[in-house]
């Protein structure tokens, strides 16, 4: 039988069993591939409830430490989550040759252990890894030396054409391949725009609360960040003009405000476009997860509305496909294209060729549209379950607003508990939550948590809400 150290005073049976099994696997006392006793046998051996053993086994399976098969039983995984941090391989565990595509598949299924309520990760286990591998193999065979030799600083033309077609159909943006610059993710896109468009002491309107990495990029250029509080309908241009009447640029997330989730109301969109065009103020539209809108009509991008030649649209495939793809894009007005490409050539030359070629095929052959349809349905169900569970278990403590989009949602605290206290209590139960105040710039009225749902199974959502209720109750 499996020998485990005695439980320390103050440690629950569930936490003791989880930590000791995990420690045994990481230390090698439980070898990779080794069979574990049945839940019934382990419960009898230590005189604990079988329900506790089943719960711990399920958690370890969810986190990638165990796998179970009918007729085989439960075994230690051959690839533990901590392997991605491993240094030199010990002689007792020789390194085998790893196929990069196989490694991608392992990451998509296991990766870092996903715990409730991880906010920024899509459902990686649902990504069609085998299809992506076949496309990669086919693209490599057909491209040959051409894809190895170099690239265009604006990005592969086939990918830019596919992105332009997608944006025209789904976001109402009339653009061509010549308007698009492929970037190594949205973060690089924002960095290029900040360095080309802004000079020290230029003023930039930023929604409050906001995406902190974007705010930091603007500050690194020496620009003055002007927080403009959002309300239930997004940013209000009148409030912004009262605070700073002549900004050089405006940064916003109009499709799905980060992190509060509302959409910018149409009349404000039109007012903002008309005024910024007149004042020659550029608008940076971060379209970070607009693909995941679960109800109502699709909202056109600001860039898709009239008189938007001064609007830059920044998009990414990290949220809708997988983060390590590191591909995004800028739709730029033509007069800014050359300055952006000059800077691009100085800092990176061009984006990697093979991933662009595979993504172009993924888009052009309809796989992207099919994947998005599946994910919208999946995420809509997970958000509905999270809202239902929070309503039934945390009523009076937390309230999730009527937001129907994205990978995460705000949850507002209703009682007297501070966000900091709520986060500390939740993290003691190993829940991944962030306070809404983390994203505030000048506001002092935000009190709540950011909860992710996209990467969580139904069981994880239910268990996570149960743990959160215990933490906050």
Protein backbone atom coordinates (compact mmCIF):
# COMPACT_ATOMS: atom_id res chain seq x y z
CA UNK A 1 0.00 0.00 0.00
CA UNK A 2 0.94 3.65 -0.36
CA UNK A 3 2.78 5.06 2.68
CA UNK A 4 2.00 8.69 3.51
CA UNK A 5 3.26 10.82 6.44
CA UNK A 6 0.82 11.54 9.27
CA UNK A 7 -1.48 14.55 9.03
CA UNK A 8 -0.32 17.69 10.80
CA UNK A 9 -2.60 19.41 13.28
CA UNK A 10 -4.77 22.07 11.64
CA UNK A 11 -4.64 20.51 8.15
CA UNK A 12 -7.88 19.20 6.69
CA UNK A 13 -8.00 15.59 5.49
CA UNK A 14 -8.61 16.76 1.93
CA UNK A 15 -5.64 19.14 1.90
CA UNK A 16 -3.38 16.60 3.63
CA UNK A 17 -4.14 13.85 1.10
CA UNK A 18 -3.81 16.22 -1.88
CA UNK A 19 -0.48 17.67 -0.74
CA UNK A 20 1.06 14.33 0.21
CA UNK A 21 0.08 12.62 -3.05
CA UNK A 22 1.35 15.56 -5.07
CA UNK A 23 4.59 15.66 -3.05
CA UNK A 24 5.08 11.92 -3.58
CA UNK A 25 4.74 12.34 -7.35
CA UNK A 26 7.07 15.32 -7.56
CA UNK A 27 9.73 13.68 -5.38
CA UNK A 28 9.63 10.46 -7.39
CA UNK A 29 8.31 8.25 -4.58
CA UNK A 30 5.34 7.72 -6.86
CA UNK A 31 6.94 7.03 -10.22
CA UNK A 32 5.55 8.28 -13.51
CA UNK A 33 3.14 5.73 -14.88
CA UNK A 34 2.78 4.01 -11.49
CA UNK A 35 -0.65 2.65 -10.54
CA UNK A 36 -2.42 4.13 -7.53
CA UNK A 37 -4.58 2.12 -5.14
CA UNK A 38 -8.30 2.28 -5.74
CA UNK A 39 -10.17 5.05 -3.97
CA UNK A 40 -11.94 2.44 -1.85
CA UNK A 41 -8.67 0.76 -0.81
CA UNK A 42 -6.93 4.05 -0.03
CA UNK A 43 -9.89 5.26 2.03
CA UNK A 44 -9.93 2.01 4.02
CA UNK A 45 -6.14 2.07 4.56
CA UNK A 46 -6.20 5.54 6.17
CA UNK A 47 -9.66 5.40 7.71
CA UNK A 48 -11.04 8.36 5.79
CA UNK A 49 -14.14 8.93 3.70
CA UNK A 50 -14.01 7.55 0.16
CA UNK A 51 -15.66 10.80 -0.93
CA UNK A 52 -12.53 12.70 0.14
CA UNK A 53 -10.28 10.36 -1.83
CA UNK A 54 -12.47 10.66 -4.94
CA UNK A 55 -12.42 14.47 -4.65
CA UNK A 56 -8.62 14.55 -4.35
CA UNK A 57 -8.14 12.14 -7.26
CA UNK A 58 -10.44 14.28 -9.44
CA UNK A 59 -8.52 17.43 -8.56
CA UNK A 60 -5.18 15.80 -9.35
CA UNK A 61 -6.56 14.54 -12.67
CA UNK A 62 -7.86 18.03 -13.55
CA UNK A 63 -4.43 19.48 -12.80
CA UNK A 64 -2.58 16.92 -14.92
CA UNK A 65 -0.92 14.83 -12.20
CA UNK A 66 -3.06 11.71 -12.71
CA UNK A 67 -4.89 10.08 -15.56
CA UNK A 68 -7.51 7.36 -15.45
CA UNK A 69 -8.68 4.79 -18.00
CA UNK A 70 -11.41 2.22 -17.75
CA UNK A 71 -9.88 -1.21 -17.19
CA UNK A 72 -6.46 0.25 -16.35
CA UNK A 73 -7.18 2.31 -13.24
CA UNK A 74 -5.59 5.55 -12.06
CA UNK A 75 -1.92 6.16 -12.83
CA UNK A 76 0.61 8.93 -12.34
CA UNK A 77 0.95 11.01 -15.50
CA UNK A 78 4.06 10.60 -17.59
CA UNK A 79 4.30 14.39 -17.92
CA UNK A 80 3.73 16.37 -14.73
CA UNK A 81 2.70 20.06 -14.86
CA UNK A 82 6.00 21.12 -13.25
CA UNK A 83 7.99 19.62 -16.16
CA UNK A 84 7.93 22.98 -17.94
CA UNK A 85 10.05 24.38 -15.07
CA UNK A 86 12.48 21.46 -15.06
CA UNK A 87 16.19 22.13 -15.35
CA UNK A 88 18.79 19.52 -16.32
CA UNK A 89 17.37 16.02 -16.43
CA UNK A 90 18.63 13.65 -13.75
CA UNK A 91 20.31 10.38 -14.78
CA UNK A 92 17.41 8.44 -13.24
CA UNK A 93 15.02 10.05 -15.66
CA UNK A 94 16.70 10.21 -19.07
CA UNK A 95 15.41 12.72 -21.58
CA UNK A 96 13.64 11.32 -24.60
CA UNK A 97 13.41 13.08 -27.93
CA UNK A 98 10.36 15.36 -27.99
CA UNK A 99 8.42 16.26 -31.10
CA UNK A 100 7.57 19.99 -30.92
CA UNK A 101 4.02 19.34 -32.10
CA UNK A 102 3.62 16.66 -29.45
CA UNK A 103 4.85 19.15 -26.89
CA UNK A 104 2.24 21.66 -28.08
CA UNK A 105 -0.47 19.05 -27.65
CA UNK A 106 0.72 18.25 -24.13
CA UNK A 107 0.71 21.94 -23.23
CA UNK A 108 -2.80 22.39 -24.56
CA UNK A 109 -4.14 19.50 -22.51
CA UNK A 110 -2.08 19.81 -19.33
CA UNK A 111 -0.13 23.09 -19.18
CA UNK A 112 -0.12 24.81 -15.82
CA UNK A 113 -2.77 23.44 -13.50
CA UNK A 114 -5.94 25.42 -14.21
CA UNK A 115 -7.64 26.43 -10.98
CA UNK A 116 -10.82 28.42 -10.49
CA UNK A 117 -11.08 31.24 -11.47
CA UNK A 118 -8.25 31.76 -13.94
CA UNK A 119 -9.24 34.88 -15.83
CA UNK A 120 -7.26 35.11 -19.07
CA UNK A 121 -6.88 31.59 -20.42
CA UNK A 122 -9.12 30.08 -23.11
CA UNK A 123 -10.22 26.44 -23.08
CA UNK A 124 -6.91 25.04 -24.34
CA UNK A 125 -8.08 21.45 -23.99
CA UNK A 126 -10.71 22.20 -26.66
CA UNK A 127 -8.23 23.48 -29.22
CA UNK A 128 -7.98 21.18 -32.30
CA UNK A 129 -4.32 20.32 -31.82
CA UNK A 130 -4.30 17.39 -34.25
CA UNK A 131 -5.78 19.56 -37.01
CA UNK A 132 -3.20 22.27 -36.31
CA UNK A 133 -0.44 19.65 -36.48
CA UNK A 134 -1.68 18.38 -39.86
CA UNK A 135 -1.84 21.92 -41.24
CA UNK A 136 1.66 22.61 -39.93
CA UNK A 137 3.05 19.50 -41.61
CA UNK A 138 1.32 20.29 -44.88
CA UNK A 139 2.41 23.94 -44.86
CA UNK A 140 6.01 22.98 -44.15
CA UNK A 141 6.11 20.46 -47.01
CA UNK A 142 4.63 22.90 -49.51
CA UNK A 143 6.53 26.01 -48.43
CA UNK A 144 9.94 24.39 -48.31
CA UNK A 145 12.86 26.82 -48.33
CA UNK A 146 10.70 29.87 -49.02
CA UNK A 147 9.32 29.93 -45.50
CA UNK A 148 12.80 29.40 -44.04
CA UNK A 149 14.49 32.24 -45.90
CA UNK A 150 12.85 35.27 -44.31
CA UNK A 151 9.70 37.31 -44.37
CA UNK A 152 7.83 40.55 -44.96
CA UNK A 153 7.95 43.07 -42.11
CA UNK A 154 4.21 43.63 -42.59
CA UNK A 155 3.57 39.91 -42.28
CA UNK A 156 2.79 37.10 -44.68
CA UNK A 157 0.47 38.43 -47.38
CA UNK A 158 -1.71 35.31 -47.35
CA UNK A 159 -2.35 35.84 -43.63
CA UNK A 160 -3.06 39.54 -44.07
CA UNK A 161 -5.57 38.73 -46.81
CA UNK A 162 -7.27 36.14 -44.59
CA UNK A 163 -7.43 38.61 -41.67
CA UNK A 164 -8.90 41.32 -43.92
CA UNK A 165 -11.60 38.92 -45.14
CA UNK A 166 -12.40 37.87 -41.57
CA UNK A 167 -12.64 41.46 -40.30
CA UNK A 168 -14.87 42.49 -43.18
CA UNK A 169 -17.31 39.65 -42.53
CA UNK A 170 -17.33 39.58 -38.72
CA UNK A 171 -16.40 43.08 -37.54
CA UNK A 172 -17.67 45.26 -40.37
CA UNK A 173 -14.18 46.61 -41.13
CA UNK A 174 -13.59 47.37 -44.81
CA UNK A 175 -9.84 46.88 -45.18
CA UNK A 176 -7.32 45.17 -47.44
CA UNK A 177 -4.12 43.26 -46.83
CA UNK A 178 -2.21 46.51 -47.35
CA UNK A 179 -3.90 48.04 -44.29
CA UNK A 180 -2.78 45.23 -41.98
CA UNK A 181 0.47 44.72 -40.09
CA UNK A 182 0.93 41.32 -38.45
CA UNK A 183 2.41 41.59 -34.96
CA UNK A 184 3.80 39.21 -32.37
CA UNK A 185 0.68 39.59 -30.27
CA UNK A 186 -1.43 42.56 -29.22
CA UNK A 187 1.20 43.72 -26.74
CA UNK A 188 3.69 44.35 -29.52
CA UNK A 189 0.99 46.13 -31.51
CA UNK A 190 0.31 48.53 -28.65
CA UNK A 191 4.04 49.09 -28.14
CA UNK A 192 4.59 49.95 -31.82
CA UNK A 193 1.65 52.35 -31.81
CA UNK A 194 2.71 54.06 -28.59
CA UNK A 195 6.26 54.66 -29.85
CA UNK A 196 5.17 55.94 -33.25
CA UNK A 197 2.16 58.04 -32.21
CA UNK A 198 3.22 59.51 -28.86
CA UNK A 199 5.90 61.83 -27.57
CA UNK A 200 6.80 62.72 -23.97
CA UNK A 201 4.04 64.76 -22.27
CA UNK A 202 1.40 63.86 -24.86
CA UNK A 203 -1.93 63.15 -23.17
CA UNK A 204 -3.73 59.83 -23.65
CA UNK A 205 -7.26 59.10 -22.49
CA UNK A 206 -7.51 55.65 -20.95
CA UNK A 207 -10.62 53.96 -19.61
CA UNK A 208 -10.75 53.64 -15.83
CA UNK A 209 -10.47 50.78 -14.93
CA UNK A 210 -8.16 49.55 -17.70
CA UNK A 211 -5.77 46.90 -18.96
CA UNK A 212 -2.64 47.66 -16.87
CA UNK A 213 -0.06 46.49 -19.42
CA UNK A 214 -1.39 48.98 -21.99
CA UNK A 215 -1.27 51.77 -19.42
CA UNK A 216 2.35 50.91 -18.63
CA UNK A 217 3.28 50.98 -22.33
CA UNK A 218 1.91 54.51 -22.67
CA UNK A 219 3.73 55.63 -19.54
CA UNK A 220 7.01 54.22 -20.83
CA UNK A 221 6.83 56.64 -23.78
CA UNK A 222 6.57 59.53 -21.31
CA UNK A 223 2.94 60.18 -22.17
CA UNK A 224 0.50 61.51 -19.57
CA UNK A 225 -2.22 58.95 -18.88
CA UNK A 226 -5.61 60.60 -18.26
CA UNK A 227 -8.08 58.19 -16.60
CA UNK A 228 -11.69 58.54 -17.80
CA UNK A 229 -14.15 56.55 -15.69
CA UNK A 230 -16.52 54.21 -17.52
CA UNK A 231 -20.17 53.77 -16.59
CA UNK A 232 -22.77 51.18 -17.64
CA UNK A 233 -22.46 52.36 -21.27
CA UNK A 234 -18.68 52.63 -21.52
CA UNK A 235 -16.50 55.71 -21.69
CA UNK A 236 -18.29 59.08 -21.79
CA UNK A 237 -16.62 61.55 -24.22
CA UNK A 238 -18.11 64.53 -22.32
CA UNK A 239 -16.36 63.50 -19.10
CA UNK A 240 -13.14 62.93 -21.02
CA UNK A 241 -13.26 66.39 -22.62
CA UNK A 242 -13.87 68.00 -19.24
CA UNK A 243 -10.74 66.31 -17.86
CA UNK A 244 -8.52 66.73 -20.93
CA UNK A 245 -9.94 68.63 -23.92
CA UNK A 246 -7.08 67.96 -26.37
CA UNK A 247 -5.67 64.44 -25.99
CA UNK A 248 -3.16 63.16 -28.51
CA UNK A 249 -4.70 59.67 -28.42
CA UNK A 250 -7.53 57.67 -26.87
CA UNK A 251 -7.16 54.01 -25.90
CA UNK A 252 -10.31 51.97 -25.32
CA UNK A 253 -11.91 48.51 -25.47
CA UNK A 254 -15.34 49.35 -26.93
CA UNK A 255 -16.60 45.85 -27.81
CA UNK A 256 -16.07 44.40 -24.32
CA UNK A 257 -14.63 46.83 -21.79
CA UNK A 258 -11.81 45.39 -19.74
CA UNK A 259 -12.40 44.43 -16.97
CA UNK A 260 -16.03 45.48 -16.38
CA UNK A 261 -17.44 43.95 -19.55
CA UNK A 262 -19.89 46.55 -20.91
CA UNK A 263 -20.01 47.62 -24.58
CA UNK A 264 -19.61 51.23 -25.68
CA UNK A 265 -23.08 52.52 -26.58
CA UNK A 266 -23.62 53.42 -30.25
CA UNK A 267 -24.38 57.13 -29.70
CA UNK A 268 -21.13 57.49 -27.74
CA UNK A 269 -19.22 55.66 -30.47
CA UNK A 270 -20.49 58.07 -33.09
CA UNK A 271 -19.90 61.12 -30.89
CA UNK A 272 -16.36 59.96 -30.14
CA UNK A 273 -15.54 59.35 -33.80
CA UNK A 274 -16.91 62.69 -34.92
CA UNK A 275 -15.10 64.65 -32.23
CA UNK A 276 -11.73 62.86 -32.52
CA UNK A 277 -11.76 63.26 -36.30
CA UNK A 278 -12.36 66.99 -35.95
CA UNK A 279 -9.62 67.36 -33.30
CA UNK A 280 -7.18 65.07 -35.17
CA UNK A 281 -6.97 62.78 -32.15
CA UNK A 282 -6.05 59.18 -32.95
CA UNK A 283 -8.05 56.32 -31.47
CA UNK A 284 -6.51 52.98 -30.51
CA UNK A 285 -9.24 50.34 -30.46
CA UNK A 286 -8.21 47.19 -28.58
CA UNK A 287 -10.42 44.39 -29.92
CA UNK A 288 -8.91 41.81 -27.58
CA UNK A 289 -11.78 39.29 -27.29
CA UNK A 290 -14.64 40.61 -29.43
CA UNK A 291 -15.12 37.14 -30.97
CA UNK A 292 -16.84 35.88 -27.84
CA UNK A 293 -20.17 37.67 -27.74
CA UNK A 294 -22.88 35.25 -26.63
CA UNK A 295 -26.13 37.13 -27.18
CA UNK A 296 -27.56 39.93 -29.27
CA UNK A 297 -26.35 41.18 -32.62
CA UNK A 298 -22.61 41.36 -33.32
CA UNK A 299 -21.28 44.83 -32.63
CA UNK A 300 -19.32 46.52 -35.43
CA UNK A 301 -15.84 47.69 -34.57
CA UNK A 302 -15.26 51.42 -34.26
CA UNK A 303 -12.94 50.95 -37.22
CA UNK A 304 -15.95 49.65 -39.16
CA UNK A 305 -18.03 52.80 -38.65
CA UNK A 306 -17.88 55.79 -40.97
CA UNK A 307 -15.16 58.43 -40.80
CA UNK A 308 -12.74 56.13 -38.98
CA UNK A 309 -9.55 56.77 -40.96
CA UNK A 310 -7.91 57.99 -37.74
CA UNK A 311 -8.70 54.74 -35.85
CA UNK A 312 -6.15 51.96 -35.27
CA UNK A 313 -7.64 48.51 -34.65
CA UNK A 314 -5.49 46.12 -32.58
CA UNK A 315 -6.40 42.42 -32.48
CA UNK A 316 -4.93 39.16 -31.28
CA UNK A 317 -5.36 35.42 -31.79
CA UNK A 318 -4.06 34.60 -28.30
CA UNK A 319 -7.51 34.66 -26.66
CA UNK A 320 -9.43 32.82 -29.36
CA UNK A 321 -6.78 30.18 -30.24
CA UNK A 322 -3.88 29.77 -27.80
CA UNK A 323 -1.58 32.28 -26.06
CA UNK A 324 1.78 30.88 -27.21
CA UNK A 325 0.82 31.44 -30.86
CA UNK A 326 1.92 35.08 -30.33
CA UNK A 327 0.26 36.48 -33.44
CA UNK A 328 -1.89 39.58 -33.65
CA UNK A 329 -2.43 42.49 -36.01
CA UNK A 330 -2.87 46.21 -36.44
CA UNK A 331 -5.27 47.70 -38.97
CA UNK A 332 -3.59 51.04 -39.57
CA UNK A 333 -4.50 54.15 -41.58
CA UNK A 334 -2.31 54.23 -44.68
CA UNK A 335 -0.44 57.39 -43.70
CA UNK A 336 0.89 55.64 -40.58
CA UNK A 337 1.83 52.37 -42.26
CA UNK A 338 5.39 53.31 -43.28
CA UNK A 339 6.43 54.75 -39.88
CA UNK A 340 5.10 51.61 -38.16
CA UNK A 341 6.94 49.31 -40.56
CA UNK A 342 10.21 51.25 -40.16
CA UNK A 343 10.03 50.76 -36.40
CA UNK A 344 9.01 47.13 -36.86
CA UNK A 345 12.10 46.43 -38.99
CA UNK A 346 14.30 47.95 -36.30
CA UNK A 347 12.93 45.90 -33.43
CA UNK A 348 12.01 42.55 -34.97
CA UNK A 349 12.44 42.51 -38.80
CA UNK A 350 9.41 40.29 -39.41
CA UNK A 351 7.15 37.84 -37.57
CA UNK A 352 7.90 34.08 -37.69
CA UNK A 353 6.89 32.57 -41.03
CA UNK A 354 5.59 29.08 -40.34
CA UNK A 355 2.99 30.02 -37.67
CA UNK A 356 1.68 32.72 -40.02
CA UNK A 357 1.33 30.23 -42.86
CA UNK A 358 -0.51 27.74 -40.66
CA UNK A 359 -2.82 30.44 -39.28
CA UNK A 360 -3.56 31.68 -42.81
CA UNK A 361 -4.65 28.15 -43.78
CA UNK A 362 -6.65 27.81 -40.56
CA UNK A 363 -8.56 31.00 -41.41
CA UNK A 364 -8.96 30.49 -45.16
CA UNK A 365 -10.22 26.91 -44.88
CA UNK A 366 -12.98 27.77 -42.41
CA UNK A 367 -11.45 26.06 -39.35
CA UNK A 368 -11.24 29.35 -37.44
CA UNK A 369 -14.94 30.14 -37.92
CA UNK A 370 -15.94 26.62 -36.83
CA UNK A 371 -13.69 26.79 -33.77
CA UNK A 372 -15.17 30.16 -32.74
CA UNK A 373 -18.73 28.82 -33.05
CA UNK A 374 -17.85 25.89 -30.78
CA UNK A 375 -16.13 28.11 -28.25
CA UNK A 376 -18.97 30.65 -28.14
CA UNK A 377 -21.42 27.90 -27.31
CA UNK A 378 -19.07 26.37 -24.74
CA UNK A 379 -18.22 29.67 -23.03
CA UNK A 380 -21.83 30.82 -23.01
CA UNK A 381 -22.76 27.63 -21.14
CA UNK A 382 -19.91 28.05 -18.67
CA UNK A 383 -20.81 31.68 -17.96
CA UNK A 384 -24.45 30.72 -17.45
CA UNK A 385 -23.40 27.98 -15.01
CA UNK A 386 -21.09 30.34 -13.12
CA UNK A 387 -23.87 32.93 -12.84
CA UNK A 388 -26.33 30.29 -11.63
CA UNK A 389 -23.94 28.81 -9.07
CA UNK A 390 -22.95 32.23 -7.72
CA UNK A 391 -26.62 33.19 -7.47
CA UNK A 392 -27.54 30.07 -5.53
CA UNK A 393 -24.45 29.80 -3.28
CA UNK A 394 -23.23 33.39 -2.94
CA UNK A 395 -26.46 35.38 -3.05
CA UNK A 396 -26.08 38.43 -0.87
CA UNK A 397 -22.28 38.26 -1.11
CA UNK A 398 -21.47 38.50 -4.83
CA UNK A 399 -23.34 39.74 -7.88
CA UNK A 400 -22.37 39.03 -11.49
CA UNK A 401 -23.64 41.76 -13.85
CA UNK A 402 -25.57 41.04 -17.03
CA UNK A 403 -22.51 40.75 -19.28
CA UNK A 404 -22.65 38.23 -22.13
CA UNK A 405 -19.18 38.15 -23.63
CA UNK A 406 -15.52 37.30 -23.08
CA UNK A 407 -13.46 34.87 -21.03
CA UNK A 408 -14.12 36.45 -17.61
CA UNK A 409 -16.61 38.54 -15.70
CA UNK A 410 -16.57 41.00 -12.81
CA UNK A 411 -18.32 39.90 -9.63
CA UNK A 412 -19.23 42.77 -7.30
CA UNK A 413 -19.06 42.39 -3.53
CA UNK A 414 -22.39 43.21 -1.89
CA UNK A 415 -21.51 43.14 1.81
CA UNK A 416 -18.97 45.10 3.79
CA UNK A 417 -16.00 42.87 2.91
CA UNK A 418 -13.17 44.61 1.06
CA UNK A 419 -11.77 43.22 -2.16
CA UNK A 420 -8.42 42.65 -0.54
CA UNK A 421 -9.94 40.60 2.25
CA UNK A 422 -12.01 38.60 -0.25
CA UNK A 423 -8.93 37.86 -2.37
CA UNK A 424 -6.87 36.79 0.64
CA UNK A 425 -9.60 34.45 1.81
CA UNK A 426 -10.07 32.98 -1.67
CA UNK A 427 -6.37 32.43 -2.24
CA UNK A 428 -6.07 30.55 1.04
CA UNK A 429 -8.35 28.03 -0.64
CA UNK A 430 -6.12 28.03 -3.74
CA UNK A 431 -8.56 30.00 -5.88
CA UNK A 432 -7.15 32.30 -8.57
CA UNK A 433 -8.98 35.60 -8.22
CA UNK A 434 -7.98 39.24 -8.69
CA UNK A 435 -9.45 42.36 -7.10
CA UNK A 436 -11.12 44.79 -9.50
CA UNK A 437 -9.15 47.59 -7.83
CA UNK A 438 -6.01 46.14 -9.43
CA UNK A 439 -7.19 47.62 -12.74
CA UNK A 440 -8.34 51.00 -11.40
CA UNK A 441 -6.33 54.13 -12.19
CA UNK A 442 -8.05 56.86 -10.18
CA UNK A 443 -11.32 55.27 -9.13
CA UNK A 444 -11.93 54.34 -5.50
CA UNK A 445 -15.44 52.91 -5.88
CA UNK A 446 -14.65 49.47 -7.33
CA UNK A 447 -15.16 46.56 -4.96
CA UNK A 448 -15.23 43.07 -6.34
CA UNK A 449 -13.39 40.21 -8.02
CA UNK A 450 -12.49 39.24 -11.58
CA UNK A 451 -13.62 35.65 -12.21
CA UNK A 452 -12.62 33.62 -15.26
CA UNK A 453 -14.79 30.80 -16.58
CA UNK A 454 -13.60 29.91 -20.11
CA UNK A 455 -10.83 27.48 -19.09
CA UNK A 456 -12.89 25.69 -16.41
CA UNK A 457 -14.94 22.53 -16.74
CA UNK A 458 -18.46 22.46 -15.30
CA UNK A 459 -17.18 20.44 -12.35
CA UNK A 460 -14.41 22.96 -11.70
CA UNK A 461 -16.90 25.84 -11.80
CA UNK A 462 -19.21 24.15 -9.31
CA UNK A 463 -16.36 23.18 -7.00
CA UNK A 464 -14.78 26.63 -7.32
CA UNK A 465 -17.99 28.42 -6.37
CA UNK A 466 -18.42 26.04 -3.42
CA UNK A 467 -14.90 26.90 -2.23
CA UNK A 468 -15.49 30.60 -2.81
CA UNK A 469 -18.69 30.43 -0.76
CA UNK A 470 -16.75 28.80 2.08
CA UNK A 471 -14.07 31.47 1.81
CA UNK A 472 -16.42 34.45 1.82
CA UNK A 473 -19.19 33.06 4.01
